[in-house]
Amino acid sequence: MNRMVNIDRRVSLDEPATMRVGPLGSTVHVLRADAGTVTALAAIDWNRWFRRVRLDPVRGFITLMSPSRLHEDLAEIFGDIVDAAVSAVAGASKSLGTARLREPNDPPGTGLEPDCAFYLDERARAYVAALAEGEAAAEAYFLNTPLDLVVEAEITHGDDGRIDRYGDLGVRELWRLHGRKGTHALRADFLALRRGTPPRPLAASEVLAGLTPADVCEATERVRLSTTRDERSAAVADIVRRRRRASVRVREEETPYGAATG
């Protein structure tokens, strides 16, 4: 504990530390510090005291989170949804859980920690191939290959700047969930990300089966009430099939009929 006190004295804050309770009931501590201090703090195993730790020397943020049960439930549900949706379209996925995302030259221990992180299709297969070579190969692949999809289950103070940071790290798509403790109401935003450009709102996912925010909110409720993996997979597969049929109908309606065929 004395070590923590000594470290705390090194933090030069631009604004007072804040403690907030997120909409899902998670406790979040947010501090500001210079890049050097954030890098020094990365040497400490903060997960001994907090379940989630985000150390961002680029923006000068230290975010310490104790996720609520509802937060963790939603993160697990979305892992199931992505896996089931990929299986329904005969694709490939590899979950990296809450892997810490950083640039190859960023200090170890720093970076952003989404609630879910995924490689899809070719990147998933390539990551698994790297894993087969060994942990060093897998780590090198992870540091140099951006993720296809990340999910944030709870939006809290100081999160807005992370969207641009995810884009700078090369993440292709971000799903942000908006829920509140005490209600099952859930809303989702899908954002396409690209380095150096503002995030682009999406009506449907560009990386996963054309699913819409409404689709994944419905899937969340159905998976929440499932008791077996087969039930969860069947619930998501049904929504994916319905979305694909709807997409086919839209394309057919947009096809001009009666045109000369030569």
C-alpha atoms as a PDB file:
ATOM      1  CA  MET A   1       0.000   0.000   0.000  1.00  0.00           C
ATOM      2  CA  ASN A   2       2.907   2.377   0.736  1.00  0.00           C
ATOM      3  CA  ARG A   3       4.011   1.923  -2.839  1.00  0.00           C
ATOM      4  CA  MET A   4       0.637   3.148  -4.080  1.00  0.00           C
ATOM      5  CA  VAL A   5       0.874   6.242  -1.850  1.00  0.00           C
ATOM      6  CA  ASN A   6       4.322   7.077  -3.200  1.00  0.00           C
ATOM      7  CA  ILE A   7       3.160   6.658  -6.766  1.00  0.00           C
ATOM      8  CA  ASP A   8       0.091   8.828  -6.148  1.00  0.00           C
ATOM      9  CA  ARG A   9       2.348  11.718  -5.122  1.00  0.00           C
ATOM     10  CA  ARG A  10       4.020  11.638  -8.550  1.00  0.00           C
ATOM     11  CA  VAL A  11       0.778  12.252 -10.424  1.00  0.00           C
ATOM     12  CA  SER A  12       0.548  15.862 -11.585  1.00  0.00           C
ATOM     13  CA  LEU A  13      -3.107  16.361 -12.411  1.00  0.00           C
ATOM     14  CA  ASP A  14      -4.403  18.939 -14.860  1.00  0.00           C
ATOM     15  CA  GLU A  15      -7.793  18.632 -13.152  1.00  0.00           C
ATOM     16  CA  PRO A  16      -9.010  16.942  -9.965  1.00  0.00           C
ATOM     17  CA  ALA A  17      -9.484  13.190 -10.017  1.00  0.00           C
ATOM     18  CA  THR A  18     -13.085  12.168 -10.518  1.00  0.00           C
ATOM     19  CA  MET A  19     -15.025   9.152  -9.334  1.00  0.00           C
ATOM     20  CA  ARG A  20     -18.210   8.316 -11.188  1.00  0.00           C
ATOM     21  CA  VAL A  21     -20.752   5.536 -11.323  1.00  0.00           C
ATOM     22  CA  GLY A  22     -21.470   4.500 -14.905  1.00  0.00           C
ATOM     23  CA  PRO A  23     -24.964   3.927 -16.297  1.00  0.00           C
ATOM     24  CA  LEU A  24     -24.579   0.159 -15.780  1.00  0.00           C
ATOM     25  CA  GLY A  25     -23.405   0.595 -12.200  1.00  0.00           C
ATOM     26  CA  SER A  26     -19.644   0.338 -12.735  1.00  0.00           C
ATOM     27  CA  THR A  27     -17.352   2.497 -10.584  1.00  0.00           C
ATOM     28  CA  VAL A  28     -14.897   4.541 -12.648  1.00  0.00           C
ATOM     29  CA  HIS A  29     -11.983   6.678 -11.446  1.00  0.00           C
ATOM     30  CA  VAL A  30     -10.560   9.094 -14.029  1.00  0.00           C
ATOM     31  CA  LEU A  31      -7.293  10.987 -13.541  1.00  0.00           C
ATOM     32  CA  ARG A  32      -5.233  13.233 -15.803  1.00  0.00           C
ATOM     33  CA  ALA A  33      -1.445  13.083 -15.888  1.00  0.00           C
ATOM     34  CA  ASP A  34       1.452  13.856 -18.217  1.00  0.00           C
ATOM     35  CA  ALA A  35       2.677  11.175 -20.622  1.00  0.00           C
ATOM     36  CA  GLY A  36       5.778  10.399 -18.553  1.00  0.00           C
ATOM     37  CA  THR A  37       3.756   9.765 -15.421  1.00  0.00           C
ATOM     38  CA  VAL A  38       1.285   7.541 -17.249  1.00  0.00           C
ATOM     39  CA  THR A  39       4.172   5.520 -18.669  1.00  0.00           C
ATOM     40  CA  ALA A  40       5.724   5.142 -15.203  1.00  0.00           C
ATOM     41  CA  LEU A  41       2.414   4.008 -13.752  1.00  0.00           C
ATOM     42  CA  ALA A  42       2.168   1.294 -16.423  1.00  0.00           C
ATOM     43  CA  ALA A  43       4.883  -0.633 -14.558  1.00  0.00           C
ATOM     44  CA  ILE A  44       2.445  -1.298 -11.695  1.00  0.00           C
ATOM     45  CA  ASP A  45       0.041  -4.227 -11.705  1.00  0.00           C
ATOM     46  CA  TRP A  46      -3.065  -2.083 -11.258  1.00  0.00           C
ATOM     47  CA  ASN A  47      -5.324  -5.077 -11.874  1.00  0.00           C
ATOM     48  CA  ARG A  48      -4.606  -6.135  -8.282  1.00  0.00           C
ATOM     49  CA  TRP A  49      -6.932  -3.301  -7.227  1.00  0.00           C
ATOM     50  CA  PHE A  50      -9.130  -2.673 -10.291  1.00  0.00           C
ATOM     51  CA  ARG A  51     -10.653  -5.105 -12.791  1.00  0.00           C
ATOM     52  CA  ARG A  52     -10.111  -2.810 -15.785  1.00  0.00           C
ATOM     53  CA  VAL A  53      -7.270  -0.330 -16.221  1.00  0.00           C
ATOM     54  CA  ARG A  54      -6.707   2.026 -19.156  1.00  0.00           C
ATOM     55  CA  LEU A  55      -3.432   3.915 -19.295  1.00  0.00           C
ATOM     56  CA  ASP A  56      -3.358   6.320 -22.223  1.00  0.00           C
ATOM     57  CA  PRO A  57      -0.159   8.411 -22.412  1.00  0.00           C
ATOM     58  CA  VAL A  58      -1.280   9.936 -25.732  1.00  0.00           C
ATOM     59  CA  ARG A  59      -4.279  11.699 -24.156  1.00  0.00           C
ATOM     60  CA  GLY A  60      -2.922  11.735 -20.610  1.00  0.00           C
ATOM     61  CA  PHE A  61      -5.704   9.633 -19.098  1.00  0.00           C
ATOM     62  CA  ILE A  62      -5.656   7.056 -16.320  1.00  0.00           C
ATOM     63  CA  THR A  63      -8.986   5.246 -16.057  1.00  0.00           C
ATOM     64  CA  LEU A  64      -9.543   2.693 -13.311  1.00  0.00           C
ATOM     65  CA  MET A  65     -12.787   0.704 -13.481  1.00  0.00           C
ATOM     66  CA  SER A  66     -14.538  -1.784 -11.230  1.00  0.00           C
ATOM     67  CA  PRO A  67     -17.118  -3.220 -13.675  1.00  0.00           C
ATOM     68  CA  SER A  68     -20.598  -4.027 -12.421  1.00  0.00           C
ATOM     69  CA  ARG A  69     -22.202  -7.440 -12.826  1.00  0.00           C
ATOM     70  CA  LEU A  70     -24.428  -6.007 -15.589  1.00  0.00           C
ATOM     71  CA  HIS A  71     -21.392  -4.621 -17.412  1.00  0.00           C
ATOM     72  CA  GLU A  72     -19.652  -7.995 -17.341  1.00  0.00           C
ATOM     73  CA  ASP A  73     -22.835  -9.806 -18.385  1.00  0.00           C
ATOM     74  CA  LEU A  74     -23.214  -7.586 -21.446  1.00  0.00           C
ATOM     75  CA  ALA A  75     -19.567  -8.041 -22.424  1.00  0.00           C
ATOM     76  CA  GLU A  76     -19.962 -11.833 -22.227  1.00  0.00           C
ATOM     77  CA  ILE A  77     -23.232 -11.714 -24.181  1.00  0.00           C
ATOM     78  CA  PHE A  78     -21.644  -9.737 -26.987  1.00  0.00           C
ATOM     79  CA  GLY A  79     -18.824 -12.219 -27.217  1.00  0.00           C
ATOM     80  CA  ASP A  80     -21.459 -14.921 -27.707  1.00  0.00           C
ATOM     81  CA  ILE A  81     -23.323 -12.799 -30.282  1.00  0.00           C
ATOM     82  CA  VAL A  82     -20.252 -12.202 -32.431  1.00  0.00           C
ATOM     83  CA  ASP A  83     -19.196 -15.861 -32.310  1.00  0.00           C
ATOM     84  CA  ALA A  84     -22.707 -17.063 -33.215  1.00  0.00           C
ATOM     85  CA  ALA A  85     -23.134 -14.483 -35.990  1.00  0.00           C
ATOM     86  CA  VAL A  86     -19.816 -15.454 -37.567  1.00  0.00           C
ATOM     87  CA  SER A  87     -20.714 -19.146 -37.379  1.00  0.00           C
ATOM     88  CA  ALA A  88     -24.079 -18.457 -39.044  1.00  0.00           C
ATOM     89  CA  VAL A  89     -22.317 -17.102 -42.148  1.00  0.00           C
ATOM     90  CA  ALA A  90     -19.594 -19.776 -42.133  1.00  0.00           C
ATOM     91  CA  GLY A  91     -16.944 -17.231 -41.280  1.00  0.00           C
ATOM     92  CA  ALA A  92     -14.067 -17.213 -38.817  1.00  0.00           C
ATOM     93  CA  SER A  93     -13.560 -15.208 -35.635  1.00  0.00           C
ATOM     94  CA  LYS A  94     -11.047 -15.008 -32.848  1.00  0.00           C
ATOM     95  CA  SER A  95     -11.873 -13.212 -29.631  1.00  0.00           C
ATOM     96  CA  LEU A  96      -9.041 -11.449 -27.829  1.00  0.00           C
ATOM     97  CA  GLY A  97     -11.176 -10.675 -24.792  1.00  0.00           C
ATOM     98  CA  THR A  98     -10.071  -7.432 -23.174  1.00  0.00           C
ATOM     99  CA  ALA A  99      -6.685  -7.270 -24.879  1.00  0.00           C
ATOM    100  CA  ARG A 100      -4.850  -3.965 -24.410  1.00  0.00           C
ATOM    101  CA  LEU A 101      -4.486  -2.129 -27.733  1.00  0.00           C
ATOM    102  CA  ARG A 102      -1.418   0.009 -28.372  1.00  0.00           C
ATOM    103  CA  GLU A 103       0.984   1.015 -31.115  1.00  0.00           C
ATOM    104  CA  PRO A 104       4.082  -1.209 -31.450  1.00  0.00           C
ATOM    105  CA  ASN A 105       6.299   1.576 -30.064  1.00  0.00           C
ATOM    106  CA  ASP A 106       4.005   2.527 -27.173  1.00  0.00           C
ATOM    107  CA  PRO A 107       5.224   1.617 -23.657  1.00  0.00           C
ATOM    108  CA  PRO A 108       4.201  -1.874 -22.466  1.00  0.00           C
ATOM    109  CA  GLY A 109       1.220  -1.844 -20.140  1.00  0.00           C
ATOM    110  CA  THR A 110      -0.340   1.238 -21.735  1.00  0.00           C
ATOM    111  CA  GLY A 111      -3.151   1.376 -24.249  1.00  0.00           C
ATOM    112  CA  LEU A 112      -6.905   0.971 -24.556  1.00  0.00           C
ATOM    113  CA  GLU A 113      -8.785  -2.024 -23.202  1.00  0.00           C
ATOM    114  CA  PRO A 114     -12.147  -2.592 -24.929  1.00  0.00           C
ATOM    115  CA  ASP A 115     -14.749  -4.876 -23.394  1.00  0.00           C
ATOM    116  CA  CYS A 116     -14.583  -7.205 -26.427  1.00  0.00           C
ATOM    117  CA  ALA A 117     -12.070  -7.368 -29.265  1.00  0.00           C
ATOM    118  CA  PHE A 118     -12.172  -9.523 -32.392  1.00  0.00           C
ATOM    119  CA  TYR A 119     -10.318 -10.550 -35.496  1.00  0.00           C
ATOM    120  CA  LEU A 120     -12.676 -11.750 -38.220  1.00  0.00           C
ATOM    121  CA  ASP A 121     -12.251 -14.039 -41.228  1.00  0.00           C
ATOM    122  CA  GLU A 122      -8.777 -13.772 -42.830  1.00  0.00           C
ATOM    123  CA  ARG A 123      -7.274 -11.867 -39.913  1.00  0.00           C
ATOM    124  CA  ALA A 124      -8.720 -14.426 -37.496  1.00  0.00           C
ATOM    125  CA  ARG A 125      -7.176 -17.292 -39.468  1.00  0.00           C
ATOM    126  CA  ALA A 126      -3.828 -15.492 -39.683  1.00  0.00           C
ATOM    127  CA  TYR A 127      -3.826 -14.835 -35.929  1.00  0.00           C
ATOM    128  CA  VAL A 128      -4.532 -18.496 -35.185  1.00  0.00           C
ATOM    129  CA  ALA A 129      -1.670 -19.447 -37.526  1.00  0.00           C
ATOM    130  CA  ALA A 130       0.600 -17.079 -35.582  1.00  0.00           C
ATOM    131  CA  LEU A 131      -0.560 -18.677 -32.325  1.00  0.00           C
ATOM    132  CA  ALA A 132       0.466 -22.060 -33.689  1.00  0.00           C
ATOM    133  CA  GLU A 133       3.980 -20.689 -34.169  1.00  0.00           C
ATOM    134  CA  GLY A 134       4.166 -19.536 -30.554  1.00  0.00           C
ATOM    135  CA  GLU A 135       3.342 -16.672 -28.227  1.00  0.00           C
ATOM    136  CA  ALA A 136       6.056 -14.415 -29.652  1.00  0.00           C
ATOM    137  CA  ALA A 137       4.607 -14.720 -33.153  1.00  0.00           C
ATOM    138  CA  ALA A 138       1.075 -14.134 -31.866  1.00  0.00           C
ATOM    139  CA  GLU A 139       2.152 -11.040 -29.928  1.00  0.00           C
ATOM    140  CA  ALA A 140       3.972  -9.647 -32.962  1.00  0.00           C
ATOM    141  CA  TYR A 141       0.895 -10.241 -35.130  1.00  0.00           C
ATOM    142  CA  PHE A 142      -1.359  -8.561 -32.568  1.00  0.00           C
ATOM    143  CA  LEU A 143       0.860  -5.494 -32.247  1.00  0.00           C
ATOM    144  CA  ASN A 144       1.093  -5.025 -36.014  1.00  0.00           C
ATOM    145  CA  THR A 145      -2.399  -6.062 -37.181  1.00  0.00           C
ATOM    146  CA  PRO A 146      -5.382  -3.863 -36.275  1.00  0.00           C
ATOM    147  CA  LEU A 147      -8.560  -5.481 -34.994  1.00  0.00           C
ATOM    148  CA  ASP A 148     -11.697  -5.771 -37.088  1.00  0.00           C
ATOM    149  CA  LEU A 149     -14.195  -5.068 -34.305  1.00  0.00           C
ATOM    150  CA  VAL A 150     -14.194  -3.766 -30.745  1.00  0.00           C
ATOM    151  CA  VAL A 151     -17.164  -3.399 -28.390  1.00  0.00           C
ATOM    152  CA  GLU A 152     -17.612  -0.939 -25.514  1.00  0.00           C
ATOM    153  CA  ALA A 153     -20.387  -2.112 -23.165  1.00  0.00           C
ATOM    154  CA  GLU A 154     -20.620   1.013 -20.990  1.00  0.00           C
ATOM    155  CA  ILE A 155     -20.092   4.641 -21.977  1.00  0.00           C
ATOM    156  CA  THR A 156     -18.518   6.656 -19.154  1.00  0.00           C
ATOM    157  CA  HIS A 157     -16.838  10.017 -18.582  1.00  0.00           C
ATOM    158  CA  GLY A 158     -13.786  10.558 -20.759  1.00  0.00           C
ATOM    159  CA  ASP A 159     -14.744   7.909 -23.317  1.00  0.00           C
ATOM    160  CA  ASP A 160     -15.383  10.160 -26.319  1.00  0.00           C
ATOM    161  CA  GLY A 161     -11.689  10.690 -27.095  1.00  0.00           C
ATOM    162  CA  ARG A 162     -11.175   6.924 -27.227  1.00  0.00           C
ATOM    163  CA  ILE A 163     -13.146   6.697 -30.476  1.00  0.00           C
ATOM    164  CA  ASP A 164     -10.496   8.650 -32.367  1.00  0.00           C
ATOM    165  CA  ARG A 165      -7.782   6.682 -30.589  1.00  0.00           C
ATOM    166  CA  TYR A 166      -9.284   3.396 -31.755  1.00  0.00           C
ATOM    167  CA  GLY A 167      -9.296   4.793 -35.289  1.00  0.00           C
ATOM    168  CA  ASP A 168      -5.645   5.813 -34.976  1.00  0.00           C
ATOM    169  CA  LEU A 169      -4.877   2.233 -33.902  1.00  0.00           C
ATOM    170  CA  GLY A 170      -6.461   0.938 -37.122  1.00  0.00           C
ATOM    171  CA  VAL A 171      -9.600  -0.674 -35.645  1.00  0.00           C
ATOM    172  CA  ARG A 172     -12.146  -1.074 -38.452  1.00  0.00           C
ATOM    173  CA  GLU A 173     -15.404  -0.889 -36.514  1.00  0.00           C
ATOM    174  CA  LEU A 174     -16.611   0.055 -33.027  1.00  0.00           C
ATOM    175  CA  TRP A 175     -19.891  -0.938 -31.386  1.00  0.00           C
ATOM    176  CA  ARG A 176     -20.909   1.252 -28.428  1.00  0.00           C
ATOM    177  CA  LEU A 177     -23.742   0.163 -26.163  1.00  0.00           C
ATOM    178  CA  HIS A 178     -25.999   2.499 -24.225  1.00  0.00           C
ATOM    179  CA  GLY A 179     -27.841   0.833 -21.358  1.00  0.00           C
ATOM    180  CA  ARG A 180     -28.877   1.685 -17.839  1.00  0.00           C
ATOM    181  CA  LYS A 181     -28.984  -0.282 -14.621  1.00  0.00           C
ATOM    182  CA  GLY A 182     -32.539  -1.152 -13.591  1.00  0.00           C
ATOM    183  CA  THR A 183     -33.880  -1.419 -17.133  1.00  0.00           C
ATOM    184  CA  HIS A 184     -33.409  -3.794 -20.053  1.00  0.00           C
ATOM    185  CA  ALA A 185     -33.579  -0.926 -22.545  1.00  0.00           C
ATOM    186  CA  LEU A 186     -30.483  -1.003 -24.754  1.00  0.00           C
ATOM    187  CA  ARG A 187     -29.333   1.123 -27.654  1.00  0.00           C
ATOM    188  CA  ALA A 188     -26.284   0.597 -29.835  1.00  0.00           C
ATOM    189  CA  ASP A 189     -24.209   2.790 -32.136  1.00  0.00           C
ATOM    190  CA  PHE A 190     -22.030   1.334 -34.893  1.00  0.00           C
ATOM    191  CA  LEU A 191     -19.084   3.428 -36.087  1.00  0.00           C
ATOM    192  CA  ALA A 192     -16.727   2.827 -39.003  1.00  0.00           C
ATOM    193  CA  LEU A 193     -13.222   3.961 -38.064  1.00  0.00           C
ATOM    194  CA  ARG A 194     -10.290   5.064 -40.146  1.00  0.00           C
ATOM    195  CA  ARG A 195      -6.976   6.671 -39.269  1.00  0.00           C
ATOM    196  CA  GLY A 196      -7.020  10.444 -39.534  1.00  0.00           C
ATOM    197  CA  THR A 197     -10.732  10.801 -40.315  1.00  0.00           C
ATOM    198  CA  PRO A 198     -13.796  11.316 -38.105  1.00  0.00           C
ATOM    199  CA  PRO A 199     -15.797   8.192 -37.182  1.00  0.00           C
ATOM    200  CA  ARG A 200     -18.624   7.421 -39.605  1.00  0.00           C
ATOM    201  CA  PRO A 201     -22.002   6.272 -38.211  1.00  0.00           C
ATOM    202  CA  LEU A 202     -23.226   3.012 -39.731  1.00  0.00           C
ATOM    203  CA  ALA A 203     -26.790   1.857 -40.331  1.00  0.00           C
ATOM    204  CA  ALA A 204     -25.427  -1.699 -40.534  1.00  0.00           C
ATOM    205  CA  SER A 205     -22.159  -3.407 -39.730  1.00  0.00           C
ATOM    206  CA  GLU A 206     -19.613  -3.513 -42.526  1.00  0.00           C
ATOM    207  CA  VAL A 207     -17.580  -6.299 -40.898  1.00  0.00           C
ATOM    208  CA  LEU A 208     -20.224  -8.686 -39.564  1.00  0.00           C
ATOM    209  CA  ALA A 209     -23.119 -10.016 -41.653  1.00  0.00           C
ATOM    210  CA  GLY A 210     -24.743  -6.620 -42.186  1.00  0.00           C
ATOM    211  CA  LEU A 211     -26.227  -6.714 -38.690  1.00  0.00           C
ATOM    212  CA  THR A 212     -27.898  -3.496 -37.567  1.00  0.00           C
ATOM    213  CA  PRO A 213     -27.836  -1.905 -34.106  1.00  0.00           C
ATOM    214  CA  ALA A 214     -31.465  -3.003 -33.671  1.00  0.00           C
ATOM    215  CA  ASP A 215     -30.472  -6.577 -34.586  1.00  0.00           C
ATOM    216  CA  VAL A 216     -27.786  -6.781 -31.913  1.00  0.00           C
ATOM    217  CA  CYS A 217     -30.044  -5.224 -29.272  1.00  0.00           C
ATOM    218  CA  GLU A 218     -32.667  -7.876 -30.041  1.00  0.00           C
ATOM    219  CA  ALA A 219     -29.990 -10.574 -30.017  1.00  0.00           C
ATOM    220  CA  THR A 220     -28.789  -9.337 -26.634  1.00  0.00           C
ATOM    221  CA  GLU A 221     -32.198  -9.835 -25.057  1.00  0.00           C
ATOM    222  CA  ARG A 222     -32.630 -13.286 -26.605  1.00  0.00           C
ATOM    223  CA  VAL A 223     -29.152 -14.429 -25.584  1.00  0.00           C
ATOM    224  CA  ARG A 224     -29.693 -13.027 -22.083  1.00  0.00           C
ATOM    225  CA  LEU A 225     -32.691 -15.350 -21.674  1.00  0.00           C
ATOM    226  CA  SER A 226     -30.976 -18.428 -23.153  1.00  0.00           C
ATOM    227  CA  THR A 227     -29.740 -21.181 -20.865  1.00  0.00           C
ATOM    228  CA  THR A 228     -27.522 -23.203 -23.236  1.00  0.00           C
ATOM    229  CA  ARG A 229     -24.946 -22.409 -25.910  1.00  0.00           C
ATOM    230  CA  ASP A 230     -27.172 -24.070 -28.528  1.00  0.00           C
ATOM    231  CA  GLU A 231     -30.044 -21.739 -27.598  1.00  0.00           C
ATOM    232  CA  ARG A 232     -27.772 -18.706 -27.820  1.00  0.00           C
ATOM    233  CA  SER A 233     -26.410 -19.762 -31.199  1.00  0.00           C
ATOM    234  CA  ALA A 234     -29.885 -20.508 -32.576  1.00  0.00           C
ATOM    235  CA  ALA A 235     -31.230 -17.131 -31.416  1.00  0.00           C
ATOM    236  CA  VAL A 236     -28.445 -15.196 -33.142  1.00  0.00           C
ATOM    237  CA  ALA A 237     -28.503 -17.387 -36.268  1.00  0.00           C
ATOM    238  CA  ASP A 238     -32.224 -16.665 -36.663  1.00  0.00           C
ATOM    239  CA  ILE A 239     -31.565 -12.918 -36.610  1.00  0.00           C
ATOM    240  CA  VAL A 240     -28.662 -13.241 -39.068  1.00  0.00           C
ATOM    241  CA  ARG A 241     -30.796 -15.259 -41.504  1.00  0.00           C
ATOM    242  CA  ARG A 242     -33.590 -12.699 -41.258  1.00  0.00           C
ATOM    243  CA  ARG A 243     -31.132  -9.850 -41.923  1.00  0.00           C
ATOM    244  CA  ARG A 244     -29.685 -11.634 -44.963  1.00  0.00           C
ATOM    245  CA  ARG A 245     -33.168 -12.264 -46.380  1.00  0.00           C
ATOM    246  CA  ALA A 246     -34.016  -8.585 -45.885  1.00  0.00           C
ATOM    247  CA  SER A 247     -30.790  -7.573 -47.653  1.00  0.00           C
ATOM    248  CA  VAL A 248     -31.628  -9.800 -50.617  1.00  0.00           C
ATOM    249  CA  ARG A 249     -35.101  -8.286 -50.866  1.00  0.00           C
ATOM    250  CA  VAL A 250     -33.645  -4.771 -50.886  1.00  0.00           C
ATOM    251  CA  ARG A 251     -31.230  -5.672 -53.678  1.00  0.00           C
ATOM    252  CA  GLU A 252     -34.023  -7.267 -55.711  1.00  0.00           C
ATOM    253  CA  GLU A 253     -36.225  -4.206 -55.288  1.00  0.00           C
ATOM    254  CA  GLU A 254     -33.401  -1.986 -56.441  1.00  0.00           C
ATOM    255  CA  THR A 255     -32.815  -4.066 -59.592  1.00  0.00           C
ATOM    256  CA  PRO A 256     -34.381  -2.359 -62.658  1.00  0.00           C
ATOM    257  CA  TYR A 257     -36.791  -4.668 -64.432  1.00  0.00           C
ATOM    258  CA  GLY A 258     -37.920  -4.475 -68.024  1.00  0.00           C
ATOM    259  CA  ALA A 259     -34.583  -3.184 -69.236  1.00  0.00           C
ATOM    260  CA  ALA A 260     -33.407  -4.371 -72.618  1.00  0.00           C
ATOM    261  CA  THR A 261     -31.279  -7.481 -72.347  1.00  0.00           C
ATOM    262  CA  GLY A 262     -29.794  -7.223 -75.827  1.00  0.00           C
END
